[in-house]
Amino acid sequence: MAKAQICLCFIIILYLWSEGNLMKVAKADRSGDWCVAKPSTANERLQENINFACSKIDCQIILEGGACYLPDNLISRASVAMNLYYQAQGRHFWNCNFEGSGLIGITDPSYGSCIYQFRK
C-alpha cells in the first residue's frame, strides 16, 4: 500500500513538472518578494552589503534626505540597498545571498515614505 502511495505522489509530481506547473504551485499567487538583511548580521557585513549593492545600483534613496534614510541605522539602509540590488538583478535567490546575510521575505517591508521596490 505504501508503495502505491509513493508511486502516485511521484506520478503527480512528474506530471506537474512536465507541464511546467511545479513552480507555479510552489510560488502560488503572491504579491511579491523582497530581500532584506538578517537581523543578526554584523554591522561590518551590513556596510559591505551596502557598498557592494550601491556600486551596482543607484542608492540615492538611502542617502541623507532620501525617502529611506530614516531610521538612521545600518540594518535599515542595508535592507533597502540589498533589495534594490535583488530586484535589479531579476529576483533570483542567489542575488539575495550576500554571503549568507540576506533573507527573502514575502511581506512588504515598506514603511512611511520608504517604499521597497518590487518588480513582477
PDB file of N, CA and C in Angstrom:
ATOM      1  N   MET A   1       0.815  -1.195   0.000  1.00  0.00           N
ATOM      2  CA  MET A   1       0.000   0.000   0.000  1.00  0.00           C
ATOM      3  C   MET A   1       0.860   1.260   0.000  1.00  0.00           C
ATOM      4  N   ALA A   2       1.930   1.262   0.809  1.00  0.00           N
ATOM      5  CA  ALA A   2       2.807   2.433   0.891  1.00  0.00           C
ATOM      6  C   ALA A   2       3.491   2.680  -0.445  1.00  0.00           C
ATOM      7  N   LYS A   3       3.856   1.592  -1.140  1.00  0.00           N
ATOM      8  CA  LYS A   3       4.500   1.745  -2.448  1.00  0.00           C
ATOM      9  C   LYS A   3       3.554   2.401  -3.449  1.00  0.00           C
ATOM     10  N   ALA A   4       2.284   2.063  -3.377  1.00  0.00           N
ATOM     11  CA  ALA A   4       1.297   2.649  -4.289  1.00  0.00           C
ATOM     12  C   ALA A   4       1.143   4.140  -4.030  1.00  0.00           C
ATOM     13  N   GLN A   5       1.159   4.558  -2.767  1.00  0.00           N
ATOM     14  CA  GLN A   5       1.040   5.979  -2.435  1.00  0.00           C
ATOM     15  C   GLN A   5       2.269   6.748  -2.909  1.00  0.00           C
ATOM     16  N   ILE A   6       3.437   6.175  -2.707  1.00  0.00           N
ATOM     17  CA  ILE A   6       4.672   6.821  -3.158  1.00  0.00           C
ATOM     18  C   ILE A   6       4.674   6.936  -4.672  1.00  0.00           C
ATOM     19  N   CYS A   7       4.251   5.879  -5.339  1.00  0.00           N
ATOM     20  CA  CYS A   7       4.198   5.887  -6.800  1.00  0.00           C
ATOM     21  C   CYS A   7       3.222   6.948  -7.302  1.00  0.00           C
ATOM     22  N   LEU A   8       2.062   7.053  -6.671  1.00  0.00           N
ATOM     23  CA  LEU A   8       1.071   8.046  -7.071  1.00  0.00           C
ATOM     24  C   LEU A   8       1.616   9.460  -6.872  1.00  0.00           C
ATOM     25  N   CYS A   9       2.276   9.695  -5.740  1.00  0.00           N
ATOM     26  CA  CYS A   9       2.885  11.017  -5.493  1.00  0.00           C
ATOM     27  C   CYS A   9       3.930  11.327  -6.553  1.00  0.00           C
ATOM     28  N   PHE A  10       4.736  10.354  -6.895  1.00  0.00           N
ATOM     29  CA  PHE A  10       5.769  10.543  -7.910  1.00  0.00           C
ATOM     30  C   PHE A  10       5.141  10.884  -9.254  1.00  0.00           C
ATOM     31  N   ILE A  11       4.067  10.211  -9.622  1.00  0.00           N
ATOM     32  CA  ILE A  11       3.391  10.469 -10.897  1.00  0.00           C
ATOM     33  C   ILE A  11       2.813  11.884 -10.914  1.00  0.00           C
ATOM     34  N   ILE A  12       2.220  12.313  -9.810  1.00  0.00           N
ATOM     35  CA  ILE A  12       1.663  13.675  -9.742  1.00  0.00           C
ATOM     36  C   ILE A  12       2.770  14.711  -9.873  1.00  0.00           C
ATOM     37  N   ILE A  13       3.856  14.514  -9.154  1.00  0.00           N
ATOM     38  CA  ILE A  13       4.988  15.452  -9.242  1.00  0.00           C
ATOM     39  C   ILE A  13       5.549  15.469 -10.652  1.00  0.00           C
ATOM     40  N   LEU A  14       5.702  14.313 -11.258  1.00  0.00           N
ATOM     41  CA  LEU A  14       6.213  14.228 -12.626  1.00  0.00           C
ATOM     42  C   LEU A  14       5.280  14.956 -13.588  1.00  0.00           C
ATOM     43  N   TYR A  15       3.988  14.799 -13.422  1.00  0.00           N
ATOM     44  CA  TYR A  15       3.025  15.488 -14.281  1.00  0.00           C
ATOM     45  C   TYR A  15       3.151  17.004 -14.128  1.00  0.00           C
ATOM     46  N   LEU A  16       3.160  17.468 -12.885  1.00  0.00           N
ATOM     47  CA  LEU A  16       3.284  18.912 -12.657  1.00  0.00           C
ATOM     48  C   LEU A  16       4.589  19.451 -13.231  1.00  0.00           C
ATOM     49  N   TRP A  17       5.647  18.698 -13.060  1.00  0.00           N
ATOM     50  CA  TRP A  17       6.952  19.122 -13.580  1.00  0.00           C
ATOM     51  C   TRP A  17       6.913  19.199 -15.104  1.00  0.00           C
ATOM     52  N   SER A  18       6.355  18.191 -15.736  1.00  0.00           N
ATOM     53  CA  SER A  18       6.339  18.160 -17.203  1.00  0.00           C
ATOM     54  C   SER A  18       5.445  19.252 -17.783  1.00  0.00           C
ATOM     55  N   GLU A  19       4.453  19.667 -17.064  1.00  0.00           N
ATOM     56  CA  GLU A  19       3.563  20.720 -17.526  1.00  0.00           C
ATOM     57  C   GLU A  19       4.102  22.108 -17.200  1.00  0.00           C
ATOM     58  N   GLY A  20       5.229  22.163 -16.482  1.00  0.00           N
ATOM     59  CA  GLY A  20       5.800  23.450 -16.110  1.00  0.00           C
ATOM     60  C   GLY A  20       5.038  24.132 -14.994  1.00  0.00           C
ATOM     61  N   ASN A  21       4.207  23.382 -14.311  1.00  0.00           N
ATOM     62  CA  ASN A  21       3.367  23.960 -13.270  1.00  0.00           C
ATOM     63  C   ASN A  21       3.934  23.809 -11.871  1.00  0.00           C
ATOM     64  N   LEU A  22       5.023  23.070 -11.717  1.00  0.00           N
ATOM     65  CA  LEU A  22       5.556  22.848 -10.380  1.00  0.00           C
ATOM     66  C   LEU A  22       5.935  24.165  -9.720  1.00  0.00           C
ATOM     67  N   MET A  23       6.590  25.043 -10.452  1.00  0.00           N
ATOM     68  CA  MET A  23       6.974  26.323  -9.868  1.00  0.00           C
ATOM     69  C   MET A  23       5.750  27.194  -9.612  1.00  0.00           C
ATOM     70  N   LYS A  24       4.729  27.084 -10.455  1.00  0.00           N
ATOM     71  CA  LYS A  24       3.506  27.852 -10.221  1.00  0.00           C
ATOM     72  C   LYS A  24       2.846  27.410  -8.923  1.00  0.00           C
ATOM     73  N   VAL A  25       2.844  26.108  -8.665  1.00  0.00           N
ATOM     74  CA  VAL A  25       2.268  25.595  -7.433  1.00  0.00           C
ATOM     75  C   VAL A  25       3.097  26.067  -6.246  1.00  0.00           C
ATOM     76  N   ALA A  26       4.425  26.025  -6.377  1.00  0.00           N
ATOM     77  CA  ALA A  26       5.296  26.425  -5.274  1.00  0.00           C
ATOM     78  C   ALA A  26       5.202  27.917  -4.988  1.00  0.00           C
ATOM     79  N   LYS A  27       5.118  28.732  -6.023  1.00  0.00           N
ATOM     80  CA  LYS A  27       5.082  30.179  -5.831  1.00  0.00           C
ATOM     81  C   LYS A  27       3.691  30.691  -5.486  1.00  0.00           C
ATOM     82  N   ALA A  28       2.691  30.017  -5.947  1.00  0.00           N
ATOM     83  CA  ALA A  28       1.300  30.448  -5.778  1.00  0.00           C
ATOM     84  C   ALA A  28       1.124  31.849  -6.362  1.00  0.00           C
ATOM     85  N   ASP A  29       0.116  32.541  -5.917  1.00  0.00           N
ATOM     86  CA  ASP A  29      -0.151  33.880  -6.439  1.00  0.00           C
ATOM     87  C   ASP A  29       0.104  34.902  -5.342  1.00  0.00           C
ATOM     88  N   ARG A  30       1.371  35.152  -5.078  1.00  0.00           N
ATOM     89  CA  ARG A  30       1.695  36.107  -4.028  1.00  0.00           C
ATOM     90  C   ARG A  30       1.965  37.463  -4.635  1.00  0.00           C
ATOM     91  N   SER A  31       1.928  38.454  -3.814  1.00  0.00           N
ATOM     92  CA  SER A  31       2.084  39.811  -4.327  1.00  0.00           C
ATOM     93  C   SER A  31       3.529  40.160  -4.633  1.00  0.00           C
ATOM     94  N   GLY A  32       4.486  39.544  -3.983  1.00  0.00           N
ATOM     95  CA  GLY A  32       5.872  39.869  -4.274  1.00  0.00           C
ATOM     96  C   GLY A  32       6.838  39.234  -3.308  1.00  0.00           C
ATOM     97  N   ASP A  33       8.105  39.487  -3.554  1.00  0.00           N
ATOM     98  CA  ASP A  33       9.131  39.073  -2.616  1.00  0.00           C
ATOM     99  C   ASP A  33      10.226  40.130  -2.590  1.00  0.00           C
ATOM    100  N   TRP A  34      10.801  40.281  -1.423  1.00  0.00           N
ATOM    101  CA  TRP A  34      11.788  41.320  -1.176  1.00  0.00           C
ATOM    102  C   TRP A  34      12.985  40.711  -0.470  1.00  0.00           C
ATOM    103  N   CYS A  35      14.133  41.320  -0.656  1.00  0.00           N
ATOM    104  CA  CYS A  35      15.362  40.894   0.005  1.00  0.00           C
ATOM    105  C   CYS A  35      15.673  41.878   1.125  1.00  0.00           C
ATOM    106  N   VAL A  36      15.887  41.363   2.315  1.00  0.00           N
ATOM    107  CA  VAL A  36      16.245  42.204   3.458  1.00  0.00           C
ATOM    108  C   VAL A  36      17.416  41.572   4.204  1.00  0.00           C
ATOM    109  N   ALA A  37      18.056  42.361   5.039  1.00  0.00           N
ATOM    110  CA  ALA A  37      19.179  41.873   5.838  1.00  0.00           C
ATOM    111  C   ALA A  37      18.682  41.056   7.024  1.00  0.00           C
ATOM    112  N   LYS A  38      19.420  39.982   7.342  1.00  0.00           N
ATOM    113  CA  LYS A  38      19.110  39.208   8.539  1.00  0.00           C
ATOM    114  C   LYS A  38      19.361  40.094   9.757  1.00  0.00           C
ATOM    115  N   PRO A  39      18.465  40.076  10.723  1.00  0.00           N
ATOM    116  CA  PRO A  39      18.634  40.915  11.912  1.00  0.00           C
ATOM    117  C   PRO A  39      19.923  40.639  12.689  1.00  0.00           C
ATOM    118  N   SER A  40      20.449  39.431  12.598  1.00  0.00           N
ATOM    119  CA  SER A  40      21.653  39.069  13.351  1.00  0.00           C
ATOM    120  C   SER A  40      22.954  39.442  12.645  1.00  0.00           C
ATOM    121  N   THR A  41      22.874  40.079  11.492  1.00  0.00           N
ATOM    122  CA  THR A  41      24.064  40.395  10.705  1.00  0.00           C
ATOM    123  C   THR A  41      24.915  41.465  11.387  1.00  0.00           C
ATOM    124  N   ALA A  42      26.223  41.227  11.405  1.00  0.00           N
ATOM    125  CA  ALA A  42      27.171  42.177  11.998  1.00  0.00           C
ATOM    126  C   ALA A  42      27.198  43.477  11.194  1.00  0.00           C
ATOM    127  N   ASN A  43      27.446  44.580  11.869  1.00  0.00           N
ATOM    128  CA  ASN A  43      27.480  45.892  11.212  1.00  0.00           C
ATOM    129  C   ASN A  43      28.491  45.954  10.074  1.00  0.00           C
ATOM    130  N   GLU A  44      29.639  45.300  10.245  1.00  0.00           N
ATOM    131  CA  GLU A  44      30.655  45.305   9.188  1.00  0.00           C
ATOM    132  C   GLU A  44      30.110  44.663   7.914  1.00  0.00           C
ATOM    133  N   ARG A  45      29.415  43.546   8.076  1.00  0.00           N
ATOM    134  CA  ARG A  45      28.825  42.846   6.927  1.00  0.00           C
ATOM    135  C   ARG A  45      27.738  43.712   6.291  1.00  0.00           C
ATOM    136  N   LEU A  46      26.930  44.374   7.103  1.00  0.00           N
ATOM    137  CA  LEU A  46      25.886  45.252   6.569  1.00  0.00           C
ATOM    138  C   LEU A  46      26.498  46.360   5.722  1.00  0.00           C
ATOM    139  N   GLN A  47      27.586  46.960   6.218  1.00  0.00           N
ATOM    140  CA  GLN A  47      28.246  48.024   5.463  1.00  0.00           C
ATOM    141  C   GLN A  47      28.830  47.483   4.162  1.00  0.00           C
ATOM    142  N   GLU A  48      29.399  46.277   4.205  1.00  0.00           N
ATOM    143  CA  GLU A  48      29.918  45.652   2.981  1.00  0.00           C
ATOM    144  C   GLU A  48      28.788  45.411   1.980  1.00  0.00           C
ATOM    145  N   ASN A  49      27.631  44.998   2.474  1.00  0.00           N
ATOM    146  CA  ASN A  49      26.482  44.779   1.591  1.00  0.00           C
ATOM    147  C   ASN A  49      26.038  46.086   0.937  1.00  0.00           C
ATOM    148  N   ILE A  50      26.005  47.165   1.724  1.00  0.00           N
ATOM    149  CA  ILE A  50      25.649  48.478   1.177  1.00  0.00           C
ATOM    150  C   ILE A  50      26.659  48.884   0.111  1.00  0.00           C
ATOM    151  N   ASN A  51      27.938  48.746   0.428  1.00  0.00           N
ATOM    152  CA  ASN A  51      28.990  49.131  -0.523  1.00  0.00           C
ATOM    153  C   ASN A  51      28.872  48.340  -1.821  1.00  0.00           C
ATOM    154  N   PHE A  52      28.659  47.026  -1.703  1.00  0.00           N
ATOM    155  CA  PHE A  52      28.548  46.192  -2.902  1.00  0.00           C
ATOM    156  C   PHE A  52      27.321  46.573  -3.724  1.00  0.00           C
ATOM    157  N   ALA A  53      26.160  46.583  -3.079  1.00  0.00           N
ATOM    158  CA  ALA A  53      24.915  46.857  -3.805  1.00  0.00           C
ATOM    159  C   ALA A  53      24.955  48.234  -4.452  1.00  0.00           C
ATOM    160  N   CYS A  54      25.434  49.216  -3.714  1.00  0.00           N
ATOM    161  CA  CYS A  54      25.430  50.594  -4.221  1.00  0.00           C
ATOM    162  C   CYS A  54      26.507  50.840  -5.268  1.00  0.00           C
ATOM    163  N   SER A  55      27.445  49.899  -5.421  1.00  0.00           N
ATOM    164  CA  SER A  55      28.407  50.005  -6.523  1.00  0.00           C
ATOM    165  C   SER A  55      27.783  49.516  -7.827  1.00  0.00           C
ATOM    166  N   LYS A  56      26.641  48.829  -7.718  1.00  0.00           N
ATOM    167  CA  LYS A  56      25.969  48.252  -8.886  1.00  0.00           C
ATOM    168  C   LYS A  56      24.671  48.978  -9.255  1.00  0.00           C
ATOM    169  N   ILE A  57      24.031  49.608  -8.279  1.00  0.00           N
ATOM    170  CA  ILE A  57      22.731  50.256  -8.500  1.00  0.00           C
ATOM    171  C   ILE A  57      22.709  51.633  -7.833  1.00  0.00           C
ATOM    172  N   ASP A  58      21.709  52.424  -8.161  1.00  0.00           N
ATOM    173  CA  ASP A  58      21.560  53.769  -7.597  1.00  0.00           C
ATOM    174  C   ASP A  58      20.954  53.683  -6.197  1.00  0.00           C
ATOM    175  N   CYS A  59      21.687  54.177  -5.215  1.00  0.00           N
ATOM    176  CA  CYS A  59      21.243  54.115  -3.816  1.00  0.00           C
ATOM    177  C   CYS A  59      20.904  55.486  -3.236  1.00  0.00           C
ATOM    178  N   GLN A  60      20.532  56.432  -4.071  1.00  0.00           N
ATOM    179  CA  GLN A  60      20.194  57.772  -3.585  1.00  0.00           C
ATOM    180  C   GLN A  60      19.117  57.732  -2.504  1.00  0.00           C
ATOM    181  N   ILE A  61      18.236  56.765  -2.585  1.00  0.00           N
ATOM    182  CA  ILE A  61      17.107  56.665  -1.660  1.00  0.00           C
ATOM    183  C   ILE A  61      17.540  56.468  -0.204  1.00  0.00           C
ATOM    184  N   ILE A  62      18.768  55.916   0.027  1.00  0.00           N
ATOM    185  CA  ILE A  62      19.216  55.692   1.406  1.00  0.00           C
ATOM    186  C   ILE A  62      20.170  56.775   1.898  1.00  0.00           C
ATOM    187  N   LEU A  63      20.493  57.737   1.050  1.00  0.00           N
ATOM    188  CA  LEU A  63      21.368  58.830   1.470  1.00  0.00           C
ATOM    189  C   LEU A  63      20.567  59.864   2.247  1.00  0.00           C
ATOM    190  N   GLU A  64      21.274  60.713   2.989  1.00  0.00           N
ATOM    191  CA  GLU A  64      20.596  61.744   3.779  1.00  0.00           C
ATOM    192  C   GLU A  64      19.655  62.551   2.889  1.00  0.00           C
ATOM    193  N   GLY A  65      18.416  62.690   3.331  1.00  0.00           N
ATOM    194  CA  GLY A  65      17.389  63.376   2.551  1.00  0.00           C
ATOM    195  C   GLY A  65      16.569  62.437   1.687  1.00  0.00           C
ATOM    196  N   GLY A  66      17.032  61.189   1.516  1.00  0.00           N
ATOM    197  CA  GLY A  66      16.298  60.208   0.723  1.00  0.00           C
ATOM    198  C   GLY A  66      15.132  59.629   1.506  1.00  0.00           C
ATOM    199  N   ALA A  67      14.187  59.053   0.798  1.00  0.00           N
ATOM    200  CA  ALA A  67      12.966  58.522   1.422  1.00  0.00           C
ATOM    201  C   ALA A  67      13.245  57.401   2.422  1.00  0.00           C
ATOM    202  N   CYS A  68      14.374  56.697   2.263  1.00  0.00           N
ATOM    203  CA  CYS A  68      14.686  55.571   3.149  1.00  0.00           C
ATOM    204  C   CYS A  68      15.917  55.824   4.020  1.00  0.00           C
ATOM    205  N   TYR A  69      16.283  57.088   4.205  1.00  0.00           N
ATOM    206  CA  TYR A  69      17.429  57.399   5.068  1.00  0.00           C
ATOM    207  C   TYR A  69      17.109  57.101   6.533  1.00  0.00           C
ATOM    208  N   LEU A  70      15.901  57.414   6.944  1.00  0.00           N
ATOM    209  CA  LEU A  70      15.492  57.155   8.328  1.00  0.00           C
ATOM    210  C   LEU A  70      14.704  55.858   8.398  1.00  0.00           C
ATOM    211  N   PRO A  71      14.856  55.049   9.416  1.00  0.00           N
ATOM    212  CA  PRO A  71      15.710  55.289  10.563  1.00  0.00           C
ATOM    213  C   PRO A  71      17.185  55.194  10.177  1.00  0.00           C
ATOM    214  N   ASP A  72      17.985  56.014  10.813  1.00  0.00           N
ATOM    215  CA  ASP A  72      19.408  56.118  10.509  1.00  0.00           C
ATOM    216  C   ASP A  72      20.170  54.976  11.176  1.00  0.00           C
ATOM    217  N   ASN A  73      20.033  53.771  10.609  1.00  0.00           N
ATOM    218  CA  ASN A  73      20.798  52.625  11.112  1.00  0.00           C
ATOM    219  C   ASN A  73      21.181  51.727   9.943  1.00  0.00           C
ATOM    220  N   LEU A  74      22.222  50.948  10.158  1.00  0.00           N
ATOM    221  CA  LEU A  74      22.765  50.128   9.077  1.00  0.00           C
ATOM    222  C   LEU A  74      21.798  49.062   8.587  1.00  0.00           C
ATOM    223  N   ILE A  75      21.080  48.423   9.478  1.00  0.00           N
ATOM    224  CA  ILE A  75      20.218  47.324   9.033  1.00  0.00           C
ATOM    225  C   ILE A  75      19.110  47.820   8.112  1.00  0.00           C
ATOM    226  N   SER A  76      18.559  48.978   8.398  1.00  0.00           N
ATOM    227  CA  SER A  76      17.509  49.527   7.530  1.00  0.00           C
ATOM    228  C   SER A  76      18.068  49.915   6.170  1.00  0.00           C
ATOM    229  N   ARG A  77      19.183  50.638   6.183  1.00  0.00           N
ATOM    230  CA  ARG A  77      19.769  51.067   4.906  1.00  0.00           C
ATOM    231  C   ARG A  77      20.289  49.876   4.103  1.00  0.00           C
ATOM    232  N   ALA A  78      20.890  48.896   4.793  1.00  0.00           N
ATOM    233  CA  ALA A  78      21.376  47.701   4.091  1.00  0.00           C
ATOM    234  C   ALA A  78      20.211  46.938   3.465  1.00  0.00           C
ATOM    235  N   SER A  79      19.113  46.823   4.179  1.00  0.00           N
ATOM    236  CA  SER A  79      17.948  46.107   3.646  1.00  0.00           C
ATOM    237  C   SER A  79      17.428  46.767   2.380  1.00  0.00           C
ATOM    238  N   VAL A  80      17.357  48.097   2.378  1.00  0.00           N
ATOM    239  CA  VAL A  80      16.886  48.809   1.187  1.00  0.00           C
ATOM    240  C   VAL A  80      17.856  48.589   0.031  1.00  0.00           C
ATOM    241  N   ALA A  81      19.156  48.743   0.287  1.00  0.00           N
ATOM    242  CA  ALA A  81      20.162  48.572  -0.768  1.00  0.00           C
ATOM    243  C   ALA A  81      20.171  47.139  -1.297  1.00  0.00           C
ATOM    244  N   MET A  82      20.106  46.167  -0.397  1.00  0.00           N
ATOM    245  CA  MET A  82      20.097  44.766  -0.808  1.00  0.00           C
ATOM    246  C   MET A  82      18.870  44.464  -1.661  1.00  0.00           C
ATOM    247  N   ASN A  83      17.728  45.017  -1.283  1.00  0.00           N
ATOM    248  CA  ASN A  83      16.511  44.791  -2.061  1.00  0.00           C
ATOM    249  C   ASN A  83      16.598  45.452  -3.433  1.00  0.00           C
ATOM    250  N   LEU A  84      17.138  46.661  -3.496  1.00  0.00           N
ATOM    251  CA  LEU A  84      17.305  47.328  -4.796  1.00  0.00           C
ATOM    252  C   LEU A  84      18.147  46.464  -5.731  1.00  0.00           C
ATOM    253  N   TYR A  85      19.238  45.919  -5.199  1.00  0.00           N
ATOM    254  CA  TYR A  85      20.118  45.051  -5.994  1.00  0.00           C
ATOM    255  C   TYR A  85      19.376  43.774  -6.412  1.00  0.00           C
ATOM    256  N   TYR A  86      18.718  43.140  -5.463  1.00  0.00           N
ATOM    257  CA  TYR A  86      17.967  41.905  -5.713  1.00  0.00           C
ATOM    258  C   TYR A  86      16.919  42.105  -6.807  1.00  0.00           C
ATOM    259  N   GLN A  87      16.167  43.176  -6.727  1.00  0.00           N
ATOM    260  CA  GLN A  87      15.142  43.457  -7.730  1.00  0.00           C
ATOM    261  C   GLN A  87      15.778  43.740  -9.089  1.00  0.00           C
ATOM    262  N   ALA A  88      16.854  44.533  -9.108  1.00  0.00           N
ATOM    263  CA  ALA A  88      17.509  44.904 -10.369  1.00  0.00           C
ATOM    264  C   ALA A  88      18.120  43.701 -11.073  1.00  0.00           C
ATOM    265  N   GLN A  89      18.533  42.706 -10.304  1.00  0.00           N
ATOM    266  CA  GLN A  89      19.171  41.525 -10.876  1.00  0.00           C
ATOM    267  C   GLN A  89      18.176  40.444 -11.287  1.00  0.00           C
ATOM    268  N   GLY A  90      16.900  40.698 -11.124  1.00  0.00           N
ATOM    269  CA  GLY A  90      15.896  39.738 -11.593  1.00  0.00           C
ATOM    270  C   GLY A  90      15.264  38.881 -10.519  1.00  0.00           C
ATOM    271  N   ARG A  91      15.502  39.199  -9.247  1.00  0.00           N
ATOM    272  CA  ARG A  91      14.891  38.485  -8.123  1.00  0.00           C
ATOM    273  C   ARG A  91      15.230  37.000  -8.099  1.00  0.00           C
ATOM    274  N   HIS A  92      16.478  36.667  -8.325  1.00  0.00           N
ATOM    275  CA  HIS A  92      16.940  35.284  -8.177  1.00  0.00           C
ATOM    276  C   HIS A  92      17.420  35.110  -6.740  1.00  0.00           C
ATOM    277  N   PHE A  93      17.169  33.954  -6.155  1.00  0.00           N
ATOM    278  CA  PHE A  93      17.528  33.764  -4.750  1.00  0.00           C
ATOM    279  C   PHE A  93      19.006  34.012  -4.493  1.00  0.00           C
ATOM    280  N   TRP A  94      19.850  33.706  -5.471  1.00  0.00           N
ATOM    281  CA  TRP A  94      21.287  33.908  -5.271  1.00  0.00           C
ATOM    282  C   TRP A  94      21.659  35.395  -5.227  1.00  0.00           C
ATOM    283  N   ASN A  95      20.796  36.256  -5.723  1.00  0.00           N
ATOM    284  CA  ASN A  95      21.066  37.693  -5.658  1.00  0.00           C
ATOM    285  C   ASN A  95      20.697  38.289  -4.301  1.00  0.00           C
ATOM    286  N   CYS A  96      20.206  37.463  -3.399  1.00  0.00           N
ATOM    287  CA  CYS A  96      19.902  37.919  -2.040  1.00  0.00           C
ATOM    288  C   CYS A  96      20.760  37.181  -1.018  1.00  0.00           C
ATOM    289  N   ASN A  97      21.787  36.497  -1.472  1.00  0.00           N
ATOM    290  CA  ASN A  97      22.618  35.741  -0.541  1.00  0.00           C
ATOM    291  C   ASN A  97      23.479  36.658   0.323  1.00  0.00           C
ATOM    292  N   PHE A  98      24.225  37.540  -0.296  1.00  0.00           N
ATOM    293  CA  PHE A  98      25.105  38.468   0.417  1.00  0.00           C
ATOM    294  C   PHE A  98      25.899  37.739   1.500  1.00  0.00           C
ATOM    295  N   GLU A  99      26.566  36.663   1.066  1.00  0.00           N
ATOM    296  CA  GLU A  99      27.379  35.826   1.959  1.00  0.00           C
ATOM    297  C   GLU A  99      26.594  35.357   3.184  1.00  0.00           C
ATOM    298  N   GLY A 100      25.348  34.968   2.930  1.00  0.00           N
ATOM    299  CA  GLY A 100      24.506  34.402   3.983  1.00  0.00           C
ATOM    300  C   GLY A 100      23.798  35.419   4.856  1.00  0.00           C
ATOM    301  N   SER A 101      23.877  36.698   4.510  1.00  0.00           N
ATOM    302  CA  SER A 101      23.275  37.723   5.373  1.00  0.00           C
ATOM    303  C   SER A 101      21.951  38.268   4.844  1.00  0.00           C
ATOM    304  N   GLY A 102      21.441  37.699   3.753  1.00  0.00           N
ATOM    305  CA  GLY A 102      20.178  38.164   3.188  1.00  0.00           C
ATOM    306  C   GLY A 102      19.046  37.177   3.409  1.00  0.00           C
ATOM    307  N   LEU A 103      17.848  37.700   3.509  1.00  0.00           N
ATOM    308  CA  LEU A 103      16.633  36.900   3.641  1.00  0.00           C
ATOM    309  C   LEU A 103      15.630  37.341   2.589  1.00  0.00           C
ATOM    310  N   ILE A 104      14.940  36.390   1.990  1.00  0.00           N
ATOM    311  CA  ILE A 104      13.864  36.722   1.066  1.00  0.00           C
ATOM    312  C   ILE A 104      12.557  36.589   1.832  1.00  0.00           C
ATOM    313  N   GLY A 105      11.793  37.670   1.844  1.00  0.00           N
ATOM    314  CA  GLY A 105      10.512  37.676   2.539  1.00  0.00           C
ATOM    315  C   GLY A 105       9.379  37.955   1.572  1.00  0.00           C
ATOM    316  N   ILE A 106       8.181  37.558   1.960  1.00  0.00           N
ATOM    317  CA  ILE A 106       7.015  37.793   1.101  1.00  0.00           C
ATOM    318  C   ILE A 106       6.104  38.874   1.668  1.00  0.00           C
ATOM    319  N   THR A 107       6.519  39.484   2.774  1.00  0.00           N
ATOM    320  CA  THR A 107       5.771  40.595   3.358  1.00  0.00           C
ATOM    321  C   THR A 107       6.482  41.889   2.996  1.00  0.00           C
ATOM    322  N   ASP A 108       5.765  42.815   2.429  1.00  0.00           N
ATOM    323  CA  ASP A 108       6.336  44.094   2.003  1.00  0.00           C
ATOM    324  C   ASP A 108       6.912  44.839   3.212  1.00  0.00           C
ATOM    325  N   PRO A 109       8.232  45.101   3.214  1.00  0.00           N
ATOM    326  CA  PRO A 109       8.857  45.791   4.348  1.00  0.00           C
ATOM    327  C   PRO A 109       8.766  47.317   4.272  1.00  0.00           C
ATOM    328  N   SER A 110       8.053  47.853   3.296  1.00  0.00           N
ATOM    329  CA  SER A 110       7.932  49.309   3.147  1.00  0.00           C
ATOM    330  C   SER A 110       7.349  49.932   4.411  1.00  0.00           C
ATOM    331  N   TYR A 111       7.752  51.170   4.676  1.00  0.00           N
ATOM    332  CA  TYR A 111       7.244  51.903   5.837  1.00  0.00           C
ATOM    333  C   TYR A 111       7.237  53.390   5.510  1.00  0.00           C
ATOM    334  N   GLY A 112       6.234  54.093   5.984  1.00  0.00           N
ATOM    335  CA  GLY A 112       6.145  55.535   5.747  1.00  0.00           C
ATOM    336  C   GLY A 112       6.346  55.873   4.282  1.00  0.00           C
ATOM    337  N   SER A 113       7.280  56.784   4.018  1.00  0.00           N
ATOM    338  CA  SER A 113       7.569  57.172   2.632  1.00  0.00           C
ATOM    339  C   SER A 113       8.639  56.295   1.992  1.00  0.00           C
ATOM    340  N   CYS A 114       9.158  55.331   2.751  1.00  0.00           N
ATOM    341  CA  CYS A 114      10.179  54.413   2.216  1.00  0.00           C
ATOM    342  C   CYS A 114       9.482  53.209   1.588  1.00  0.00           C
ATOM    343  N   ILE A 115       9.405  53.222   0.275  1.00  0.00           N
ATOM    344  CA  ILE A 115       8.748  52.144  -0.466  1.00  0.00           C
ATOM    345  C   ILE A 115       9.815  51.216  -1.036  1.00  0.00           C
ATOM    346  N   TYR A 116       9.784  49.968  -0.597  1.00  0.00           N
ATOM    347  CA  TYR A 116      10.724  48.973  -1.109  1.00  0.00           C
ATOM    348  C   TYR A 116      10.308  48.595  -2.526  1.00  0.00           C
ATOM    349  N   GLN A 117      11.248  48.702  -3.429  1.00  0.00           N
ATOM    350  CA  GLN A 117      10.980  48.410  -4.833  1.00  0.00           C
ATOM    351  C   GLN A 117      10.566  46.957  -5.005  1.00  0.00           C
ATOM    352  N   PHE A 118       9.654  46.731  -5.941  1.00  0.00           N
ATOM    353  CA  PHE A 118       9.235  45.382  -6.294  1.00  0.00           C
ATOM    354  C   PHE A 118       8.940  45.336  -7.778  1.00  0.00           C
ATOM    355  N   ARG A 119       9.532  44.377  -8.449  1.00  0.00           N
ATOM    356  CA  ARG A 119       9.273  44.172  -9.881  1.00  0.00           C
ATOM    357  C   ARG A 119       8.669  42.807 -10.064  1.00  0.00           C
ATOM    358  N   LYS A 120       7.562  42.764 -10.783  1.00  0.00           N
ATOM    359  CA  LYS A 120       6.909  41.476 -11.065  1.00  0.00           C
ATOM    360  C   LYS A 120       7.589  40.786 -12.202  1.00  0.00           C
TER     361      LYS A 120
END
